């Protein structure tokens, strides 16, 4: 069983940005095989964003939601390859306003809007 499937998917996505295609045989939740053709070559994408850590950014996003303020985190956004950016969706479910840009996330909450509790499965 592949334990770190999200990180393997992240790596494969980054390889694709550099021009290398990876064929996946099987299910990522099971025991997949990865095939890289002998003719695949890495090529520079000319520029690439080195993302910030979405997990660490979640504390600041939560801070805005809790205090009724506004926070924008840069370095991860709607084009992020990190699953942890989905934490912003949880803030939205709770009553905060979330604005997505390709490389940033902004969370804000009107102080007159109360947050509500939600039940979320963060296991996937």
Foldseek 3Di string as FASTA:
>chain_A
DQPPLLVVQVVQVVQVLQFWHWDWADDSVPDIDIDTDPPTDGHDNVDDQQADDLVVCLVVLVVQLVVQAKDKDFRAFPQHSDPSVCSNVVSVVQPWDWDTDRGMIMTGGHPVTGGDDDDDDPPD
